[in-house]
Amino acid sequence: MTIYNLYIFDKYGTLLYYGEWNRIKQSGITKEEEAKLMYGMLFSIKSFVNKISPNDPKEGFLYYKTNKYALHYYETPSGIKFVINTDTVSTSVKEFLQQYYSKIWVEYVVKNPLWNGTAVTSDLFKQKSDEFIKQSIMF
């Protein structure tokens, strides 16, 4: 199983963090443009799922899969959005993102008194994030 990249957005669509591992093909655009495209696509997919679903979608959009990769989505009650791209055989990604949120995001960002809601620049967070990703069974 393989993790390619991770995006973390705030509730307004601002990119707070981007990490990349094992990504071979680049998009050919800047990371900022790529993040805007990603958030726009997520906004559209979430809206589509909520409007078209034949049932009341409690959790809404969780993931989609192509023949090359899978995109997994987890949103916290506070509106922080985690998007991770993996290979198509990765499993239990929702649980992985929930653990990432509680063990990495909350511990090294939310509890950091110096964090003011903008892009995360903490070297400790980057180190712990990288360690958590690389120690997962999906890496």
Protein backbone atom coordinates (compact mmCIF):
# COMPACT_ATOMS: atom_id res chain seq x y z
CA MET A 1 0.00 0.00 0.00
CA THR A 2 1.20 3.49 -0.82
CA ILE A 3 0.49 7.04 0.33
CA TYR A 4 1.16 9.68 -2.33
CA ASN A 5 0.24 13.00 -0.73
CA LEU A 6 -1.78 14.74 1.96
CA TYR A 7 -3.62 18.06 1.92
CA ILE A 8 -5.03 19.76 5.01
CA PHE A 9 -7.50 22.62 4.45
CA ASP A 10 -9.28 24.89 6.90
CA LYS A 11 -13.05 25.43 6.71
CA TYR A 12 -12.56 28.28 4.23
CA GLY A 13 -10.46 26.27 1.78
CA THR A 14 -7.07 27.66 2.76
CA LEU A 15 -4.27 25.11 2.47
CA LEU A 16 -2.79 24.66 5.94
CA TYR A 17 -0.37 21.85 5.14
CA TYR A 18 0.80 19.74 2.22
CA GLY A 19 2.97 16.63 2.45
CA GLU A 20 4.19 14.39 -0.31
CA TRP A 21 5.60 10.84 -0.35
CA ASN A 22 6.07 8.36 -3.19
CA ARG A 23 4.50 10.72 -5.74
CA ILE A 24 6.03 10.10 -9.14
CA LYS A 25 3.95 12.21 -11.54
CA GLN A 26 3.77 15.95 -10.86
CA SER A 27 0.81 18.08 -11.96
CA GLY A 28 2.85 20.70 -13.80
CA ILE A 29 1.27 23.58 -11.87
CA THR A 30 2.25 25.29 -8.63
CA LYS A 31 1.26 23.72 -5.31
CA GLU A 32 -1.00 26.71 -4.64
CA GLU A 33 -2.88 26.21 -7.92
CA GLU A 34 -3.08 22.48 -7.32
CA ALA A 35 -4.51 23.06 -3.83
CA LYS A 36 -7.16 25.44 -5.21
CA LEU A 37 -8.17 22.87 -7.83
CA MET A 38 -8.31 20.14 -5.19
CA TYR A 39 -10.48 22.20 -2.84
CA GLY A 40 -12.79 23.25 -5.68
CA MET A 41 -13.21 19.64 -6.76
CA LEU A 42 -13.95 18.56 -3.17
CA PHE A 43 -16.50 21.33 -2.75
CA SER A 44 -18.25 20.25 -5.96
CA ILE A 45 -18.20 16.53 -5.12
CA LYS A 46 -19.55 17.14 -1.60
CA SER A 47 -22.34 19.29 -2.99
CA PHE A 48 -23.17 16.70 -5.65
CA VAL A 49 -23.23 13.82 -3.15
CA ASN A 50 -25.47 15.74 -0.74
CA LYS A 51 -27.95 16.69 -3.48
CA ILE A 52 -28.08 13.45 -5.45
CA SER A 53 -27.92 10.85 -2.68
CA PRO A 54 -31.11 8.77 -2.54
CA ASN A 55 -30.72 8.49 1.24
CA ASP A 56 -29.86 11.02 3.89
CA PRO A 57 -26.06 10.98 3.66
CA LYS A 58 -24.85 11.13 7.27
CA GLU A 59 -21.18 11.14 6.44
CA GLY A 60 -21.48 12.47 2.90
CA PHE A 61 -18.47 12.11 0.64
CA LEU A 62 -15.72 9.82 1.97
CA TYR A 63 -13.60 8.75 -1.01
CA TYR A 64 -13.43 8.05 -4.71
CA LYS A 65 -11.31 5.59 -6.63
CA THR A 66 -9.89 5.61 -10.15
CA ASN A 67 -7.84 2.89 -11.81
CA LYS A 68 -4.63 4.70 -10.73
CA TYR A 69 -5.28 6.07 -7.23
CA ALA A 70 -7.86 6.62 -4.50
CA LEU A 71 -8.68 9.94 -2.86
CA HIS A 72 -9.88 9.74 0.75
CA TYR A 73 -11.59 12.58 2.59
CA TYR A 74 -12.11 13.24 6.29
CA GLU A 75 -13.68 16.38 7.73
CA THR A 76 -13.66 17.26 11.42
CA PRO A 77 -16.56 18.96 13.22
CA SER A 78 -14.50 22.18 13.24
CA GLY A 79 -14.27 22.13 9.44
CA ILE A 80 -10.65 21.01 9.04
CA LYS A 81 -10.44 18.82 5.93
CA PHE A 82 -7.91 16.04 5.41
CA VAL A 83 -7.39 14.70 1.91
CA ILE A 84 -5.04 11.83 1.25
CA ASN A 85 -4.23 10.16 -2.05
CA THR A 86 -3.26 6.50 -1.89
CA ASP A 87 -2.97 3.54 -4.21
CA THR A 88 -6.20 1.70 -4.99
CA VAL A 89 -5.68 -1.18 -2.54
CA SER A 90 -5.28 0.86 0.67
CA THR A 91 -7.82 0.01 3.35
CA SER A 92 -8.95 1.53 6.67
CA VAL A 93 -7.96 5.00 5.48
CA LYS A 94 -10.80 6.72 7.33
CA GLU A 95 -9.54 5.30 10.62
CA PHE A 96 -5.99 6.28 9.68
CA LEU A 97 -7.09 9.89 9.04
CA GLN A 98 -8.99 9.97 12.34
CA GLN A 99 -5.85 8.82 14.16
CA TYR A 100 -3.73 11.33 12.25
CA TYR A 101 -6.13 14.07 13.33
CA SER A 102 -6.12 13.11 17.01
CA LYS A 103 -2.48 12.07 17.41
CA ILE A 104 -0.72 14.53 15.12
CA TRP A 105 -2.96 17.49 14.25
CA VAL A 106 -4.46 18.03 17.69
CA GLU A 107 -1.22 17.35 19.59
CA TYR A 108 1.16 19.41 17.45
CA VAL A 109 -1.05 22.10 15.92
CA VAL A 110 -4.22 22.69 17.93
CA LYS A 111 -2.41 22.53 21.28
CA ASN A 112 0.40 24.78 20.01
CA PRO A 113 -0.17 28.22 21.58
CA LEU A 114 1.77 29.87 18.74
CA TRP A 115 -0.52 28.55 15.98
CA ASN A 116 -2.88 31.27 14.80
CA GLY A 117 -4.96 29.35 12.25
CA THR A 118 -2.70 29.97 9.26
CA ALA A 119 -0.48 27.57 7.31
CA VAL A 120 1.44 25.21 9.59
CA THR A 121 5.17 25.92 9.56
CA SER A 122 6.20 24.03 12.71
CA ASP A 123 9.19 21.79 12.11
CA LEU A 124 8.07 19.54 14.97
CA PHE A 125 4.67 19.04 13.33
CA LYS A 126 6.30 18.25 9.98
CA GLN A 127 8.64 15.74 11.64
CA LYS A 128 5.87 14.01 13.61
CA SER A 129 3.59 14.00 10.56
CA ASP A 130 6.30 12.40 8.43
CA GLU A 131 7.03 9.80 11.12
CA PHE A 132 3.34 8.94 11.51
CA ILE A 133 2.88 8.52 7.75
CA LYS A 134 6.03 6.45 7.28
CA GLN A 135 5.20 4.15 10.19
CA SER A 136 1.71 3.37 8.89
CA ILE A 137 0.94 0.13 7.12
CA MET A 138 -0.16 2.19 4.10
CA PHE A 139 3.30 3.67 3.52
